[in-house]
Amino acid sequence: MRFLVVKRRTIIIAVIAAVLLAAAVTGVYCTGAAAIYNNVSPKKVPIYSVETEEKVVALTFDAAWGADKTLGLLDTIESKDARATFFLVSFWAEKYGDELKKLAASDRIEIGTHSATHPYMSKLDKKAISLELSTSKSLIESISGRKVELFRPPYGDYSDALIDEATAQGLHTIQWDVDSLDWKGLSKEEIASRVVGGVRNGSIVLMHNDGKHTLEALPAIIDGLRAKGFTFKTVGELIYKDNYIIDHTGRQIRST
């Protein structure tokens, strides 16, 4: 009799374990590792790069503080027949309005917003997020005379709420898949090596307008990428505006 009780208890435990395992597997499939395995992120993701057969790359510069090298970057981009996107913080755009107007006057430059005050935006509530986006977009447009359709989160920090609000305001949220690390004070050779060696088709490169050696590195970056067969587009020219998905790595893929 004792044997039968023990056996029955063992069977019951086994059934319960099987049920719990099935529930866990189902949950993972819907929201966790299996979702990533199936190339779908369980969370909203910005655009880090673009799936394309073209050997094309987007150079980007974040501008939040100094401006001494900005016009030098512009001159290099124009003289070397490249293209680039600048993401501007409101207080930078307001302080350096002349530089912004010169950037906006170039048909080789695209302008996006980098927020109003450069906060960690995932820590803000919906109202504060909306204000950061709307005020920065409006200010940059009023000074530049150019429509703003791109947004890069400060520090690369984002949330589902941020992406939703950016989309509601007509903004594509943009990250990067190649980091120059120019803000660390790397030499021009190190910066150029990181960028040229790290790029693939559809890459978005992160640089900064006030990086210590960014201006010196830019000619080698453009020449090195061109020698590898790459051409240049602004982010707005590179990304898909409709009929796309974004995988768990942030790579934007054309859907059919």
Protein backbone atom coordinates (compact mmCIF):
# COMPACT_ATOMS: atom_id res chain seq x y z
CA MET A 1 0.00 0.00 0.00
CA ARG A 2 2.78 2.41 0.90
CA PHE A 3 4.39 1.68 -2.46
CA LEU A 4 1.17 2.64 -4.26
CA VAL A 5 0.89 5.93 -2.33
CA VAL A 6 4.48 6.85 -3.12
CA LYS A 7 4.01 5.93 -6.76
CA ARG A 8 0.82 8.00 -6.98
CA ARG A 9 2.55 10.97 -5.38
CA THR A 10 5.42 10.64 -7.86
CA ILE A 11 2.99 10.62 -10.78
CA ILE A 12 1.20 13.73 -9.49
CA ILE A 13 4.49 15.59 -9.06
CA ALA A 14 5.54 14.57 -12.58
CA VAL A 15 2.25 15.86 -14.05
CA ILE A 16 2.55 19.18 -12.22
CA ALA A 17 6.15 19.57 -13.39
CA ALA A 18 5.10 18.88 -16.98
CA VAL A 19 2.36 21.52 -16.81
CA LEU A 20 4.71 24.11 -15.35
CA LEU A 21 7.34 23.33 -17.97
CA ALA A 22 4.78 23.72 -20.77
CA ALA A 23 3.69 27.09 -19.36
CA ALA A 24 7.29 28.24 -19.06
CA VAL A 25 8.10 27.20 -22.63
CA THR A 26 5.02 29.01 -23.91
CA GLY A 27 5.98 32.16 -21.99
CA VAL A 28 9.53 32.10 -23.30
CA TYR A 29 8.30 31.57 -26.84
CA CYS A 30 6.06 34.60 -26.62
CA THR A 31 8.23 37.03 -24.73
CA GLY A 32 11.80 35.93 -24.16
CA ALA A 33 14.66 33.91 -25.58
CA ALA A 34 12.58 32.13 -28.19
CA ALA A 35 11.30 35.45 -29.49
CA ILE A 36 14.90 36.52 -30.01
CA TYR A 37 15.70 33.11 -31.51
CA ASN A 38 12.90 33.73 -33.99
CA ASN A 39 14.51 37.09 -34.86
CA VAL A 40 11.77 39.19 -33.24
CA SER A 41 12.55 41.44 -30.29
CA PRO A 42 10.16 41.21 -27.30
CA LYS A 43 10.70 44.97 -26.85
CA LYS A 44 10.60 47.90 -29.25
CA VAL A 45 14.01 48.63 -30.74
CA PRO A 46 15.38 51.72 -32.54
CA ILE A 47 17.12 51.46 -35.91
CA TYR A 48 20.78 50.51 -35.47
CA SER A 49 21.54 49.57 -39.10
CA VAL A 50 19.77 48.68 -42.33
CA GLU A 51 19.73 45.40 -44.25
CA THR A 52 20.71 46.23 -47.83
CA GLU A 53 22.68 44.75 -50.71
CA GLU A 54 24.16 48.17 -51.43
CA LYS A 55 27.62 48.98 -50.10
CA VAL A 56 26.36 52.10 -48.41
CA VAL A 57 27.00 53.70 -45.03
CA ALA A 58 25.62 56.64 -43.03
CA LEU A 59 28.04 58.88 -41.14
CA THR A 60 26.48 60.64 -38.14
CA PHE A 61 27.64 63.29 -35.69
CA ASP A 62 26.06 64.14 -32.33
CA ALA A 63 26.33 67.80 -31.32
CA ALA A 64 25.69 68.69 -27.69
CA TRP A 65 28.46 71.00 -26.55
CA GLY A 66 31.36 72.59 -28.45
CA ALA A 67 31.29 73.72 -32.07
CA ASP A 68 34.91 74.57 -32.93
CA LYS A 69 35.34 71.69 -35.37
CA THR A 70 31.81 71.66 -36.84
CA LEU A 71 32.47 73.78 -39.92
CA GLY A 72 35.69 71.85 -40.54
CA LEU A 73 33.65 68.65 -40.61
CA LEU A 74 31.24 70.28 -43.03
CA ASP A 75 34.08 71.41 -45.31
CA THR A 76 35.56 67.89 -45.34
CA ILE A 77 32.21 66.27 -46.11
CA GLU A 78 31.56 68.66 -48.98
CA SER A 79 35.07 68.61 -50.43
CA LYS A 80 35.12 64.81 -50.43
CA ASP A 81 31.62 64.53 -51.88
CA ALA A 82 30.29 62.58 -48.90
CA ARG A 83 27.04 62.89 -46.95
CA ALA A 84 26.25 62.94 -43.22
CA THR A 85 23.57 63.44 -40.58
CA PHE A 86 23.96 65.72 -37.57
CA PHE A 87 21.87 65.15 -34.43
CA LEU A 88 21.56 68.37 -32.43
CA VAL A 89 20.57 69.15 -28.85
CA SER A 90 18.36 72.24 -28.51
CA PHE A 91 20.76 74.25 -26.39
CA TRP A 92 23.53 73.58 -28.93
CA ALA A 93 21.31 74.66 -31.83
CA GLU A 94 20.34 77.84 -29.99
CA LYS A 95 23.90 78.72 -28.97
CA TYR A 96 25.46 77.91 -32.32
CA GLY A 97 22.74 79.13 -34.66
CA ASP A 98 25.22 80.33 -37.30
CA GLU A 99 26.85 76.91 -37.50
CA LEU A 100 23.44 75.26 -37.70
CA LYS A 101 22.38 77.52 -40.56
CA LYS A 102 25.56 76.64 -42.49
CA LEU A 103 24.95 72.94 -41.93
CA ALA A 104 21.35 73.33 -43.07
CA ALA A 105 22.43 75.24 -46.19
CA SER A 106 24.40 72.22 -47.42
CA ASP A 107 22.65 69.65 -49.60
CA ARG A 108 25.09 67.05 -48.23
CA ILE A 109 23.90 67.40 -44.64
CA GLU A 110 20.77 66.16 -42.87
CA ILE A 111 19.60 67.52 -39.51
CA GLY A 112 17.98 65.51 -36.70
CA THR A 113 17.23 66.14 -33.03
CA HIS A 114 19.23 64.79 -30.10
CA SER A 115 16.67 66.01 -27.52
CA ALA A 116 16.21 69.38 -25.82
CA THR A 117 18.37 68.95 -22.69
CA HIS A 118 20.30 65.67 -23.25
CA PRO A 119 18.70 63.63 -20.40
CA TYR A 120 18.43 59.89 -19.84
CA MET A 121 15.05 59.74 -21.52
CA SER A 122 14.01 56.31 -20.28
CA LYS A 123 13.77 57.90 -16.81
CA LEU A 124 11.27 60.55 -17.94
CA ASP A 125 7.50 60.28 -17.85
CA LYS A 126 5.43 60.54 -21.02
CA LYS A 127 4.81 64.28 -20.67
CA ALA A 128 8.51 65.07 -20.23
CA ILE A 129 9.44 62.83 -23.18
CA SER A 130 6.89 64.60 -25.36
CA LEU A 131 8.25 68.00 -24.35
CA GLU A 132 11.87 67.01 -25.01
CA LEU A 133 10.98 65.89 -28.51
CA SER A 134 8.51 68.59 -29.52
CA THR A 135 10.49 71.58 -28.24
CA SER A 136 13.79 70.41 -29.74
CA LYS A 137 12.16 69.57 -33.06
CA SER A 138 10.43 72.96 -33.21
CA LEU A 139 13.55 74.96 -32.27
CA ILE A 140 15.82 73.21 -34.75
CA GLU A 141 13.27 73.61 -37.53
CA SER A 142 12.79 77.31 -36.77
CA ILE A 143 16.54 78.04 -36.96
CA SER A 144 17.46 75.72 -39.82
CA GLY A 145 14.37 75.99 -41.99
CA ARG A 146 14.61 72.21 -42.43
CA LYS A 147 12.07 69.58 -41.40
CA VAL A 148 13.27 67.25 -38.62
CA GLU A 149 12.29 63.58 -39.01
CA LEU A 150 15.04 61.79 -37.08
CA PHE A 151 15.80 61.48 -33.38
CA ARG A 152 18.79 60.00 -31.57
CA PRO A 153 18.36 59.34 -27.83
CA PRO A 154 21.08 60.81 -25.60
CA TYR A 155 23.46 58.14 -24.30
CA GLY A 156 21.66 55.65 -26.54
CA ASP A 157 19.13 55.34 -23.70
CA TYR A 158 15.58 54.47 -24.73
CA SER A 159 12.33 52.78 -23.73
CA ASP A 160 9.16 51.58 -25.43
CA ALA A 161 7.41 54.77 -24.29
CA LEU A 162 10.12 56.90 -25.89
CA ILE A 163 9.95 55.09 -29.23
CA ASP A 164 6.14 55.31 -29.21
CA GLU A 165 6.18 59.06 -28.55
CA ALA A 166 8.88 59.69 -31.16
CA THR A 167 6.83 57.78 -33.72
CA ALA A 168 3.72 59.76 -32.76
CA GLN A 169 5.67 62.95 -33.47
CA GLY A 170 6.82 61.71 -36.87
CA LEU A 171 10.35 60.86 -35.76
CA HIS A 172 12.38 57.75 -36.57
CA THR A 173 14.51 56.72 -33.56
CA ILE A 174 18.10 56.12 -34.66
CA GLN A 175 21.02 54.43 -32.93
CA TRP A 176 24.26 53.08 -34.45
CA ASP A 177 26.09 49.81 -35.05
CA VAL A 178 29.61 51.26 -35.40
CA ASP A 179 30.94 53.38 -32.53
CA SER A 180 34.04 55.44 -33.33
CA LEU A 181 34.69 56.03 -29.61
CA ASP A 182 36.01 59.44 -30.65
CA TRP A 183 34.73 60.86 -27.34
CA LYS A 184 37.40 58.83 -25.55
CA GLY A 185 40.18 60.87 -27.10
CA LEU A 186 41.43 58.10 -29.38
CA SER A 187 44.03 59.06 -32.00
CA LYS A 188 42.89 59.83 -35.53
CA GLU A 189 44.38 56.51 -36.67
CA GLU A 190 42.49 54.55 -34.02
CA ILE A 191 39.20 56.28 -34.85
CA ALA A 192 39.61 55.67 -38.58
CA SER A 193 40.58 52.03 -38.00
CA ARG A 194 37.52 51.38 -35.82
CA VAL A 195 35.13 52.89 -38.35
CA VAL A 196 36.60 51.54 -41.59
CA GLY A 197 37.13 48.09 -40.06
CA GLY A 198 33.71 47.91 -38.43
CA VAL A 199 31.40 49.00 -41.22
CA ARG A 200 29.18 46.65 -43.23
CA ASN A 201 26.41 47.30 -45.74
CA GLY A 202 23.83 49.60 -44.16
CA SER A 203 25.90 50.60 -41.13
CA ILE A 204 25.25 53.76 -39.15
CA VAL A 205 28.44 55.27 -37.69
CA LEU A 206 28.46 57.27 -34.44
CA MET A 207 30.84 60.23 -34.16
CA HIS A 208 30.77 63.57 -32.35
CA ASN A 209 31.22 67.05 -33.73
CA ASP A 210 33.57 68.00 -30.89
CA GLY A 211 35.62 64.80 -30.66
CA LYS A 212 39.28 65.62 -30.00
CA HIS A 213 40.56 63.94 -33.17
CA THR A 214 37.35 63.39 -35.15
CA LEU A 215 38.04 66.13 -37.68
CA GLU A 216 41.54 64.79 -38.30
CA ALA A 217 40.21 61.24 -38.70
CA LEU A 218 37.34 62.08 -41.08
CA PRO A 219 39.35 62.28 -44.35
CA ALA A 220 40.87 58.85 -43.71
CA ILE A 221 37.45 57.45 -42.82
CA ILE A 222 35.87 58.70 -46.04
CA ASP A 223 38.82 57.64 -48.20
CA GLY A 224 39.11 54.25 -46.47
CA LEU A 225 35.42 53.43 -46.86
CA ARG A 226 35.40 54.58 -50.47
CA ALA A 227 38.43 52.37 -51.19
CA LYS A 228 36.38 49.42 -49.90
CA GLY A 229 33.60 50.28 -52.34
CA PHE A 230 31.25 52.11 -49.97
CA THR A 231 29.19 55.13 -50.88
CA PHE A 232 27.53 57.55 -48.48
CA LYS A 233 23.93 58.36 -47.66
CA THR A 234 22.25 60.39 -44.95
CA VAL A 235 20.33 58.33 -42.41
CA GLY A 236 17.05 59.53 -43.93
CA GLU A 237 18.16 58.25 -47.33
CA LEU A 238 19.39 54.95 -45.89
CA ILE A 239 16.44 53.83 -43.76
CA TYR A 240 13.11 52.41 -44.94
CA LYS A 241 10.18 54.68 -44.16
CA ASP A 242 7.50 52.00 -44.50
CA ASN A 243 7.05 48.25 -45.05
CA TYR A 244 9.83 47.15 -42.72
CA ILE A 245 10.56 45.19 -39.57
CA ILE A 246 13.35 45.68 -37.02
CA ASP A 247 15.01 42.54 -35.70
CA HIS A 248 16.31 42.03 -32.15
CA THR A 249 19.71 43.55 -33.09
CA GLY A 250 18.08 46.75 -34.33
CA ARG A 251 18.71 45.93 -37.98
CA GLN A 252 15.94 47.31 -40.17
CA ILE A 253 14.76 44.86 -42.83
CA ARG A 254 12.47 45.48 -45.79
CA SER A 255 9.25 43.47 -45.46
CA THR A 256 7.19 42.28 -48.39
